[in-house]
C-alpha atoms as a PDB file:
ATOM      1  CA  UNK A   1       0.073   0.073   0.147  1.00  0.00           C
ATOM      2  CA  UNK A   2       1.363   3.277  -1.029  1.00  0.00           C
ATOM      3  CA  UNK A   3       1.642   6.125   1.485  1.00  0.00           C
ATOM      4  CA  UNK A   4      -0.899   8.392  -0.567  1.00  0.00           C
ATOM      5  CA  UNK A   5      -3.344   5.520  -0.612  1.00  0.00           C
ATOM      6  CA  UNK A   6      -2.894   4.636   3.068  1.00  0.00           C
ATOM      7  CA  UNK A   7      -3.738   8.413   3.851  1.00  0.00           C
ATOM      8  CA  UNK A   8      -6.703   8.365   1.613  1.00  0.00           C
ATOM      9  CA  UNK A   9      -8.175   5.181   3.569  1.00  0.00           C
ATOM     10  CA  UNK A  10      -7.585   6.616   6.856  1.00  0.00           C
ATOM     11  CA  UNK A  11      -9.302   9.836   5.940  1.00  0.00           C
ATOM     12  CA  UNK A  12     -12.193   7.666   4.748  1.00  0.00           C
ATOM     13  CA  UNK A  13     -12.136   5.770   7.773  1.00  0.00           C
ATOM     14  CA  UNK A  14     -12.482   8.879   9.992  1.00  0.00           C
ATOM     15  CA  UNK A  15     -15.216  10.369   7.678  1.00  0.00           C
ATOM     16  CA  UNK A  16     -16.922   6.967   8.004  1.00  0.00           C
ATOM     17  CA  UNK A  17     -16.623   7.113  11.915  1.00  0.00           C
ATOM     18  CA  UNK A  18     -17.862  10.681  12.325  1.00  0.00           C
ATOM     19  CA  UNK A  19     -20.517  11.114   9.623  1.00  0.00           C
ATOM     20  CA  UNK A  20     -21.759   7.856   8.378  1.00  0.00           C
ATOM     21  CA  UNK A  21     -24.886   8.247  10.937  1.00  0.00           C
ATOM     22  CA  UNK A  22     -25.813  11.586   9.431  1.00  0.00           C
ATOM     23  CA  UNK A  23     -25.191  10.470   5.846  1.00  0.00           C
ATOM     24  CA  UNK A  24     -26.840   7.226   5.943  1.00  0.00           C
ATOM     25  CA  UNK A  25     -29.532   8.303   8.361  1.00  0.00           C
ATOM     26  CA  UNK A  26     -28.805   5.854  11.179  1.00  0.00           C
ATOM     27  CA  UNK A  27     -26.420   5.643  14.323  1.00  0.00           C
ATOM     28  CA  UNK A  28     -23.635   3.315  12.663  1.00  0.00           C
ATOM     29  CA  UNK A  29     -20.783   2.649  15.105  1.00  0.00           C
ATOM     30  CA  UNK A  30     -20.225   6.192  16.369  1.00  0.00           C
ATOM     31  CA  UNK A  31     -19.523   5.104  19.946  1.00  0.00           C
ATOM     32  CA  UNK A  32     -17.490   2.356  18.746  1.00  0.00           C
ATOM     33  CA  UNK A  33     -15.610   5.024  16.732  1.00  0.00           C
ATOM     34  CA  UNK A  34     -14.876   7.139  19.680  1.00  0.00           C
ATOM     35  CA  UNK A  35     -13.913   4.042  21.884  1.00  0.00           C
ATOM     36  CA  UNK A  36     -11.353   2.757  19.214  1.00  0.00           C
ATOM     37  CA  UNK A  37     -10.060   6.475  19.001  1.00  0.00           C
ATOM     38  CA  UNK A  38      -9.512   6.381  22.694  1.00  0.00           C
ATOM     39  CA  UNK A  39      -7.809   3.196  22.721  1.00  0.00           C
ATOM     40  CA  UNK A  40      -5.468   4.064  19.655  1.00  0.00           C
ATOM     41  CA  UNK A  41      -4.324   7.018  21.589  1.00  0.00           C
ATOM     42  CA  UNK A  42      -3.311   5.292  24.662  1.00  0.00           C
ATOM     43  CA  UNK A  43      -1.403   2.439  23.258  1.00  0.00           C
ATOM     44  CA  UNK A  44      -0.605   0.003  20.368  1.00  0.00           C
ATOM     45  CA  UNK A  45      -3.648  -1.134  18.257  1.00  0.00           C
ATOM     46  CA  UNK A  46      -4.175  -4.702  16.933  1.00  0.00           C
ATOM     47  CA  UNK A  47      -6.883  -6.330  15.075  1.00  0.00           C
ATOM     48  CA  UNK A  48      -8.176  -7.661  18.283  1.00  0.00           C
ATOM     49  CA  UNK A  49      -8.397  -4.032  19.624  1.00  0.00           C
ATOM     50  CA  UNK A  50     -10.459  -3.292  16.828  1.00  0.00           C
ATOM     51  CA  UNK A  51     -12.573  -6.050  16.827  1.00  0.00           C
ATOM     52  CA  UNK A  52     -13.407  -5.553  20.536  1.00  0.00           C
ATOM     53  CA  UNK A  53     -14.634  -1.948  19.568  1.00  0.00           C
ATOM     54  CA  UNK A  54     -16.752  -2.714  16.441  1.00  0.00           C
ATOM     55  CA  UNK A  55     -17.509  -6.461  16.513  1.00  0.00           C
ATOM     56  CA  UNK A  56     -15.861  -7.132  13.339  1.00  0.00           C
ATOM     57  CA  UNK A  57     -12.316  -7.409  11.945  1.00  0.00           C
ATOM     58  CA  UNK A  58     -10.162  -5.651   9.211  1.00  0.00           C
ATOM     59  CA  UNK A  59     -11.540  -7.584   6.162  1.00  0.00           C
ATOM     60  CA  UNK A  60     -15.296  -6.691   7.239  1.00  0.00           C
ATOM     61  CA  UNK A  61     -14.111  -2.786   7.587  1.00  0.00           C
ATOM     62  CA  UNK A  62     -12.940  -2.901   4.075  1.00  0.00           C
ATOM     63  CA  UNK A  63     -16.027  -3.913   2.814  1.00  0.00           C
ATOM     64  CA  UNK A  64     -17.864  -1.386   4.995  1.00  0.00           C
ATOM     65  CA  UNK A  65     -15.589   1.318   3.549  1.00  0.00           C
ATOM     66  CA  UNK A  66     -16.084   0.117  -0.114  1.00  0.00           C
ATOM     67  CA  UNK A  67     -19.759   0.499   0.414  1.00  0.00           C
ATOM     68  CA  UNK A  68     -19.287   4.121   1.953  1.00  0.00           C
ATOM     69  CA  UNK A  69     -17.140   5.428  -0.411  1.00  0.00           C
ATOM     70  CA  UNK A  70     -19.576   6.494  -2.959  1.00  0.00           C
ATOM     71  CA  UNK A  71     -21.872   8.203  -0.359  1.00  0.00           C
ATOM     72  CA  UNK A  72     -18.794   9.917   1.162  1.00  0.00           C
ATOM     73  CA  UNK A  73     -17.651  11.370  -2.260  1.00  0.00           C
ATOM     74  CA  UNK A  74     -21.125  12.370  -3.320  1.00  0.00           C
ATOM     75  CA  UNK A  75     -22.247  14.218  -0.204  1.00  0.00           C
ATOM     76  CA  UNK A  76     -20.998  17.482   0.916  1.00  0.00           C
ATOM     77  CA  UNK A  77     -20.476  17.869   4.923  1.00  0.00           C
ATOM     78  CA  UNK A  78     -20.225  21.432   6.367  1.00  0.00           C
ATOM     79  CA  UNK A  79     -19.626  22.029   9.988  1.00  0.00           C
ATOM     80  CA  UNK A  80     -19.441  25.337  11.920  1.00  0.00           C
ATOM     81  CA  UNK A  81     -16.161  25.488  13.642  1.00  0.00           C
ATOM     82  CA  UNK A  82     -15.192  27.978  16.583  1.00  0.00           C
ATOM     83  CA  UNK A  83     -11.710  29.358  15.821  1.00  0.00           C
ATOM     84  CA  UNK A  84      -9.761  31.756  17.823  1.00  0.00           C
ATOM     85  CA  UNK A  85      -8.305  33.995  15.194  1.00  0.00           C
ATOM     86  CA  UNK A  86      -6.291  35.809  17.904  1.00  0.00           C
ATOM     87  CA  UNK A  87      -4.814  33.063  19.810  1.00  0.00           C
ATOM     88  CA  UNK A  88      -2.570  33.664  23.190  1.00  0.00           C
ATOM     89  CA  UNK A  89       0.793  32.738  22.452  1.00  0.00           C
ATOM     90  CA  UNK A  90       2.383  30.450  25.201  1.00  0.00           C
ATOM     91  CA  UNK A  91       4.737  32.261  27.608  1.00  0.00           C
ATOM     92  CA  UNK A  92       8.350  31.455  26.397  1.00  0.00           C
ATOM     93  CA  UNK A  93      11.433  31.549  28.407  1.00  0.00           C
ATOM     94  CA  UNK A  94      15.076  31.049  27.877  1.00  0.00           C
ATOM     95  CA  UNK A  95      16.415  27.505  28.144  1.00  0.00           C
ATOM     96  CA  UNK A  96      18.146  27.005  31.506  1.00  0.00           C
ATOM     97  CA  UNK A  97      21.804  25.736  31.316  1.00  0.00           C
ATOM     98  CA  UNK A  98      21.018  22.307  32.347  1.00  0.00           C
ATOM     99  CA  UNK A  99      18.236  22.009  29.410  1.00  0.00           C
ATOM    100  CA  UNK A 100      20.927  23.382  26.970  1.00  0.00           C
ATOM    101  CA  UNK A 101      23.573  20.882  28.254  1.00  0.00           C
ATOM    102  CA  UNK A 102      20.956  18.032  28.015  1.00  0.00           C
ATOM    103  CA  UNK A 103      19.805  18.808  24.500  1.00  0.00           C
ATOM    104  CA  UNK A 104      23.200  19.404  23.006  1.00  0.00           C
ATOM    105  CA  UNK A 105      24.909  16.591  24.939  1.00  0.00           C
ATOM    106  CA  UNK A 106      22.222  14.170  23.960  1.00  0.00           C
ATOM    107  CA  UNK A 107      22.550  15.092  20.290  1.00  0.00           C
ATOM    108  CA  UNK A 108      26.413  14.412  20.417  1.00  0.00           C
ATOM    109  CA  UNK A 109      26.007  11.330  21.935  1.00  0.00           C
ATOM    110  CA  UNK A 110      23.569  10.164  19.281  1.00  0.00           C
ATOM    111  CA  UNK A 111      25.654  11.549  16.486  1.00  0.00           C
ATOM    112  CA  UNK A 112      28.688  10.069  17.954  1.00  0.00           C
ATOM    113  CA  UNK A 113      27.138   6.441  18.246  1.00  0.00           C
ATOM    114  CA  UNK A 114      25.986   6.838  14.700  1.00  0.00           C
ATOM    115  CA  UNK A 115      29.330   7.580  13.220  1.00  0.00           C
ATOM    116  CA  UNK A 116      31.193   4.568  14.956  1.00  0.00           C
ATOM    117  CA  UNK A 117      31.446   2.507  11.946  1.00  0.00           C
ATOM    118  CA  UNK A 118      31.565   5.197   9.173  1.00  0.00           C
ATOM    119  CA  UNK A 119      34.001   7.576  11.001  1.00  0.00           C
ATOM    120  CA  UNK A 120      35.480   6.087  14.235  1.00  0.00           C
ATOM    121  CA  UNK A 121      37.688   9.178  14.779  1.00  0.00           C
ATOM    122  CA  UNK A 122      34.789  11.533  14.371  1.00  0.00           C
ATOM    123  CA  UNK A 123      32.485   9.367  16.678  1.00  0.00           C
ATOM    124  CA  UNK A 124      35.076   9.488  19.222  1.00  0.00           C
ATOM    125  CA  UNK A 125      35.297  13.237  19.253  1.00  0.00           C
ATOM    126  CA  UNK A 126      31.577  13.485  19.398  1.00  0.00           C
ATOM    127  CA  UNK A 127      31.168  11.308  22.360  1.00  0.00           C
ATOM    128  CA  UNK A 128      34.059  12.804  24.250  1.00  0.00           C
ATOM    129  CA  UNK A 129      32.344  16.176  23.786  1.00  0.00           C
ATOM    130  CA  UNK A 130      29.148  14.626  24.727  1.00  0.00           C
ATOM    131  CA  UNK A 131      30.707  13.546  28.088  1.00  0.00           C
ATOM    132  CA  UNK A 132      31.740  17.141  28.858  1.00  0.00           C
ATOM    133  CA  UNK A 133      28.527  18.790  27.591  1.00  0.00           C
ATOM    134  CA  UNK A 134      26.385  16.461  29.723  1.00  0.00           C
ATOM    135  CA  UNK A 135      28.465  16.539  32.950  1.00  0.00           C
ATOM    136  CA  UNK A 136      28.806  20.361  33.086  1.00  0.00           C
ATOM    137  CA  UNK A 137      25.234  20.875  34.427  1.00  0.00           C
ATOM    138  CA  UNK A 138      25.502  17.747  36.525  1.00  0.00           C
ATOM    139  CA  UNK A 139      28.339  19.111  38.247  1.00  0.00           C
ATOM    140  CA  UNK A 140      26.936  22.457  38.749  1.00  0.00           C
ATOM    141  CA  UNK A 141      24.142  20.717  40.691  1.00  0.00           C
ATOM    142  CA  UNK A 142      21.295  19.868  38.180  1.00  0.00           C
ATOM    143  CA  UNK A 143      19.422  16.682  38.857  1.00  0.00           C
ATOM    144  CA  UNK A 144      16.762  17.435  36.280  1.00  0.00           C
ATOM    145  CA  UNK A 145      15.180  13.892  35.382  1.00  0.00           C
ATOM    146  CA  UNK A 146      15.683  14.509  31.664  1.00  0.00           C
ATOM    147  CA  UNK A 147      19.431  15.321  32.207  1.00  0.00           C
ATOM    148  CA  UNK A 148      19.831  11.994  34.276  1.00  0.00           C
ATOM    149  CA  UNK A 149      18.189  10.017  31.609  1.00  0.00           C
ATOM    150  CA  UNK A 150      20.611  11.402  28.938  1.00  0.00           C
ATOM    151  CA  UNK A 151      23.610  10.657  31.116  1.00  0.00           C
ATOM    152  CA  UNK A 152      22.255   7.229  31.569  1.00  0.00           C
ATOM    153  CA  UNK A 153      21.989   6.444  28.145  1.00  0.00           C
ATOM    154  CA  UNK A 154      25.567   7.980  27.597  1.00  0.00           C
ATOM    155  CA  UNK A 155      27.167   5.991  30.362  1.00  0.00           C
ATOM    156  CA  UNK A 156      25.159   2.608  29.451  1.00  0.00           C
ATOM    157  CA  UNK A 157      27.956   1.048  27.452  1.00  0.00           C
ATOM    158  CA  UNK A 158      30.738   2.598  29.468  1.00  0.00           C
ATOM    159  CA  UNK A 159      29.803   2.486  33.210  1.00  0.00           C
ATOM    160  CA  UNK A 160      26.913   0.052  34.041  1.00  0.00           C
ATOM    161  CA  UNK A 161      26.730   0.916  37.597  1.00  0.00           C
ATOM    162  CA  UNK A 162      26.413   4.750  37.070  1.00  0.00           C
ATOM    163  CA  UNK A 163      24.343   4.245  34.112  1.00  0.00           C
ATOM    164  CA  UNK A 164      21.905   2.446  36.321  1.00  0.00           C
ATOM    165  CA  UNK A 165      21.942   5.114  39.170  1.00  0.00           C
ATOM    166  CA  UNK A 166      21.138   7.897  36.708  1.00  0.00           C
ATOM    167  CA  UNK A 167      18.753   5.992  34.654  1.00  0.00           C
ATOM    168  CA  UNK A 168      16.893   5.012  37.891  1.00  0.00           C
ATOM    169  CA  UNK A 169      16.863   8.922  38.840  1.00  0.00           C
ATOM    170  CA  UNK A 170      15.239   9.675  35.608  1.00  0.00           C
ATOM    171  CA  UNK A 171      12.600   6.754  36.008  1.00  0.00           C
ATOM    172  CA  UNK A 172      11.903   8.098  39.541  1.00  0.00           C
ATOM    173  CA  UNK A 173      11.305  11.612  37.794  1.00  0.00           C
ATOM    174  CA  UNK A 174       8.743   9.709  35.535  1.00  0.00           C
ATOM    175  CA  UNK A 175      10.116  11.016  32.383  1.00  0.00           C
ATOM    176  CA  UNK A 176       8.599  10.056  29.012  1.00  0.00           C
ATOM    177  CA  UNK A 177      11.295   8.320  27.320  1.00  0.00           C
ATOM    178  CA  UNK A 178      10.925   4.566  26.756  1.00  0.00           C
ATOM    179  CA  UNK A 179      14.650   3.939  26.058  1.00  0.00           C
ATOM    180  CA  UNK A 180      15.467   4.983  29.542  1.00  0.00           C
ATOM    181  CA  UNK A 181      13.155   2.166  30.983  1.00  0.00           C
ATOM    182  CA  UNK A 182      14.190  -0.438  28.541  1.00  0.00           C
ATOM    183  CA  UNK A 183      18.094   0.344  29.337  1.00  0.00           C
ATOM    184  CA  UNK A 184      17.249   0.338  32.987  1.00  0.00           C
ATOM    185  CA  UNK A 185      15.439  -3.014  32.633  1.00  0.00           C
ATOM    186  CA  UNK A 186      18.459  -4.357  30.623  1.00  0.00           C
ATOM    187  CA  UNK A 187      20.713  -3.498  33.306  1.00  0.00           C
ATOM    188  CA  UNK A 188      18.488  -5.285  35.954  1.00  0.00           C
ATOM    189  CA  UNK A 189      18.131  -8.307  33.816  1.00  0.00           C
ATOM    190  CA  UNK A 190      21.991  -8.816  33.330  1.00  0.00           C
ATOM    191  CA  UNK A 191      22.519  -8.549  36.983  1.00  0.00           C
ATOM    192  CA  UNK A 192      19.736 -10.905  37.891  1.00  0.00           C
ATOM    193  CA  UNK A 193      21.077 -13.472  35.195  1.00  0.00           C
ATOM    194  CA  UNK A 194      24.477 -13.149  36.800  1.00  0.00           C
ATOM    195  CA  UNK A 195      23.025 -14.130  40.071  1.00  0.00           C
ATOM    196  CA  UNK A 196      19.721 -15.802  39.532  1.00  0.00           C
ATOM    197  CA  UNK A 197      17.826 -16.294  42.736  1.00  0.00           C
ATOM    198  CA  UNK A 198      15.034 -18.880  41.631  1.00  0.00           C
ATOM    199  CA  UNK A 199      14.886 -22.503  41.354  1.00  0.00           C
ATOM    200  CA  UNK A 200      16.964 -24.393  38.819  1.00  0.00           C
ATOM    201  CA  UNK A 201      19.282 -21.257  37.886  1.00  0.00           C
ATOM    202  CA  UNK A 202      16.162 -19.056  36.820  1.00  0.00           C
ATOM    203  CA  UNK A 203      15.028 -15.581  37.930  1.00  0.00           C
ATOM    204  CA  UNK A 204      13.054 -15.499  40.917  1.00  0.00           C
ATOM    205  CA  UNK A 205       9.602 -13.610  41.251  1.00  0.00           C
ATOM    206  CA  UNK A 206      11.373 -10.452  42.492  1.00  0.00           C
ATOM    207  CA  UNK A 207      13.963 -10.579  39.931  1.00  0.00           C
ATOM    208  CA  UNK A 208      11.414 -10.862  37.312  1.00  0.00           C
ATOM    209  CA  UNK A 209       9.206  -8.272  38.537  1.00  0.00           C
ATOM    210  CA  UNK A 210      11.930  -5.932  38.721  1.00  0.00           C
ATOM    211  CA  UNK A 211      12.862  -6.290  35.060  1.00  0.00           C
ATOM    212  CA  UNK A 212       9.321  -6.290  33.792  1.00  0.00           C
ATOM    213  CA  UNK A 213       8.412  -3.170  35.709  1.00  0.00           C
ATOM    214  CA  UNK A 214      10.232  -0.661  33.530  1.00  0.00           C
ATOM    215  CA  UNK A 215       9.593  -2.589  30.431  1.00  0.00           C
ATOM    216  CA  UNK A 216       5.770  -2.150  31.212  1.00  0.00           C
ATOM    217  CA  UNK A 217       6.245   1.512  31.428  1.00  0.00           C
ATOM    218  CA  UNK A 218       8.297   1.573  28.345  1.00  0.00           C
ATOM    219  CA  UNK A 219       5.317  -0.197  26.567  1.00  0.00           C
ATOM    220  CA  UNK A 220       2.940   2.532  27.574  1.00  0.00           C
ATOM    221  CA  UNK A 221       5.069   5.410  26.030  1.00  0.00           C
ATOM    222  CA  UNK A 222       5.774   6.585  22.357  1.00  0.00           C
ATOM    223  CA  UNK A 223       7.438   5.411  20.432  1.00  0.00           C
ATOM    224  CA  UNK A 224       7.032   1.520  20.754  1.00  0.00           C
ATOM    225  CA  UNK A 225      10.357  -0.077  20.595  1.00  0.00           C
ATOM    226  CA  UNK A 226      11.001  -3.635  19.378  1.00  0.00           C
ATOM    227  CA  UNK A 227      13.744  -3.788  22.083  1.00  0.00           C
ATOM    228  CA  UNK A 228      11.146  -3.677  24.759  1.00  0.00           C
ATOM    229  CA  UNK A 229       9.185  -6.620  23.482  1.00  0.00           C
ATOM    230  CA  UNK A 230      12.421  -8.828  22.938  1.00  0.00           C
ATOM    231  CA  UNK A 231      13.758  -8.125  26.503  1.00  0.00           C
ATOM    232  CA  UNK A 232      10.297  -9.002  27.875  1.00  0.00           C
ATOM    233  CA  UNK A 233      10.578 -12.513  26.002  1.00  0.00           C
ATOM    234  CA  UNK A 234      14.004 -12.981  27.049  1.00  0.00           C
ATOM    235  CA  UNK A 235      13.181 -12.285  30.681  1.00  0.00           C
ATOM    236  CA  UNK A 236      10.325 -14.584  30.617  1.00  0.00           C
ATOM    237  CA  UNK A 237      12.655 -17.405  29.170  1.00  0.00           C
ATOM    238  CA  UNK A 238      14.690 -17.006  32.132  1.00  0.00           C
ATOM    239  CA  UNK A 239      11.980 -17.107  34.614  1.00  0.00           C
ATOM    240  CA  UNK A 240      11.001 -19.834  37.241  1.00  0.00           C
ATOM    241  CA  UNK A 241       7.324 -18.700  36.626  1.00  0.00           C
ATOM    242  CA  UNK A 242       5.286 -19.769  33.828  1.00  0.00           C
ATOM    243  CA  UNK A 243       3.910 -16.741  31.806  1.00  0.00           C
ATOM    244  CA  UNK A 244       0.178 -16.301  31.739  1.00  0.00           C
ATOM    245  CA  UNK A 245      -1.792 -16.063  28.581  1.00  0.00           C
ATOM    246  CA  UNK A 246      -2.209 -12.468  29.287  1.00  0.00           C
ATOM    247  CA  UNK A 247       1.536 -12.219  29.470  1.00  0.00           C
ATOM    248  CA  UNK A 248       1.996 -13.687  26.230  1.00  0.00           C
ATOM    249  CA  UNK A 249      -0.937 -11.454  24.712  1.00  0.00           C
ATOM    250  CA  UNK A 250       1.623  -8.550  25.348  1.00  0.00           C
ATOM    251  CA  UNK A 251       4.278 -10.164  23.378  1.00  0.00           C
ATOM    252  CA  UNK A 252       1.818 -11.034  20.686  1.00  0.00           C
ATOM    253  CA  UNK A 253       1.104  -7.186  20.397  1.00  0.00           C
ATOM    254  CA  UNK A 254       4.811  -6.719  19.902  1.00  0.00           C
ATOM    255  CA  UNK A 255       4.529  -9.246  17.023  1.00  0.00           C
ATOM    256  CA  UNK A 256       1.805  -7.420  15.443  1.00  0.00           C
ATOM    257  CA  UNK A 257       3.654  -3.986  15.872  1.00  0.00           C
ATOM    258  CA  UNK A 258       7.051  -5.043  14.650  1.00  0.00           C
ATOM    259  CA  UNK A 259       5.757  -8.015  12.296  1.00  0.00           C
ATOM    260  CA  UNK A 260       8.826  -7.855   9.834  1.00  0.00           C
ATOM    261  CA  UNK A 261      11.220  -8.615  12.836  1.00  0.00           C
ATOM    262  CA  UNK A 262      11.922 -12.236  12.571  1.00  0.00           C
ATOM    263  CA  UNK A 263      13.881 -12.186  15.603  1.00  0.00           C
ATOM    264  CA  UNK A 264      11.032 -11.087  17.936  1.00  0.00           C
ATOM    265  CA  UNK A 265       8.739 -13.569  16.335  1.00  0.00           C
ATOM    266  CA  UNK A 266      11.274 -16.278  16.959  1.00  0.00           C
ATOM    267  CA  UNK A 267      11.866 -15.284  20.532  1.00  0.00           C
ATOM    268  CA  UNK A 268       7.972 -15.350  21.292  1.00  0.00           C
ATOM    269  CA  UNK A 269       7.536 -18.767  19.691  1.00  0.00           C
ATOM    270  CA  UNK A 270      10.502 -20.201  21.302  1.00  0.00           C
ATOM    271  CA  UNK A 271       9.035 -18.910  24.735  1.00  0.00           C
ATOM    272  CA  UNK A 272       5.656 -20.417  23.822  1.00  0.00           C
ATOM    273  CA  UNK A 273       7.199 -23.833  23.034  1.00  0.00           C
ATOM    274  CA  UNK A 274       9.208 -23.535  26.378  1.00  0.00           C
ATOM    275  CA  UNK A 275       6.296 -23.321  28.209  1.00  0.00           C
ATOM    276  CA  UNK A 276       3.944 -25.654  26.392  1.00  0.00           C
ATOM    277  CA  UNK A 277       1.754 -23.153  24.505  1.00  0.00           C
ATOM    278  CA  UNK A 278       1.090 -23.255  20.692  1.00  0.00           C
ATOM    279  CA  UNK A 279       2.963 -21.171  18.313  1.00  0.00           C
ATOM    280  CA  UNK A 280       1.719 -18.024  17.313  1.00  0.00           C
ATOM    281  CA  UNK A 281       1.839 -18.214  13.351  1.00  0.00           C
ATOM    282  CA  UNK A 282       0.926 -14.508  12.614  1.00  0.00           C
ATOM    283  CA  UNK A 283       3.614 -11.943  11.747  1.00  0.00           C
ATOM    284  CA  UNK A 284       1.229  -9.018  11.725  1.00  0.00           C
ATOM    285  CA  UNK A 285      -2.319  -8.524  10.882  1.00  0.00           C
END
């Protein structure tokens, strides 16, 4: 499907949800449409989510839109819109030194990591500068959670203990950055795996919960990351506790979101086999 066609189908779907009742003279799925919108803005969407809202799946929706298309293009819809022609501008302020250091230092870190293969020397220069830029506001006393998150990500491949300290500080500040929570979970998983406290050398209940906690937080934040779901699968594979069907449904959600990622599909189905569940043949809906 081309991007242009995808946009057109999305527009037709929205028009169907909003205006089909008035155009067709009966209340078709308006409440279901708003329920779907609410769910789509709060987390990933799967065909199961869609079916729970509308009572039918994607194929039936395709047929519904085919029937609605001629009605939509042959009927003009007008709506009065209350537009503020003189909106108040938000109050602007200068960025603080901590914010400047965090934004520039994080950019330098990302650029440095991106150049490691193409230009190792320039990569080292970027990363060296990123360290100075990020540490300046930190050494000046800033403990802004966003700065701690950027520092923790910078330190992740260098100093795991220091990285964990700063990532935890960022998580305690409830920042919106799923990479922070996924990296924090990775550190906890690595520590638990080196000293498993469960039966037969597996992770204990507490160890598993400590890993899954930040991953569940990451799952609720945009953008969705395949690494989040892969680490969930890996943690469950090392657990002394059998995952429930609800737990597997979360991993299936990841498969639907990242269906071209064969690695995730393999991890999830290996986990299913390990615990006696049937494989999930789907690679996206």
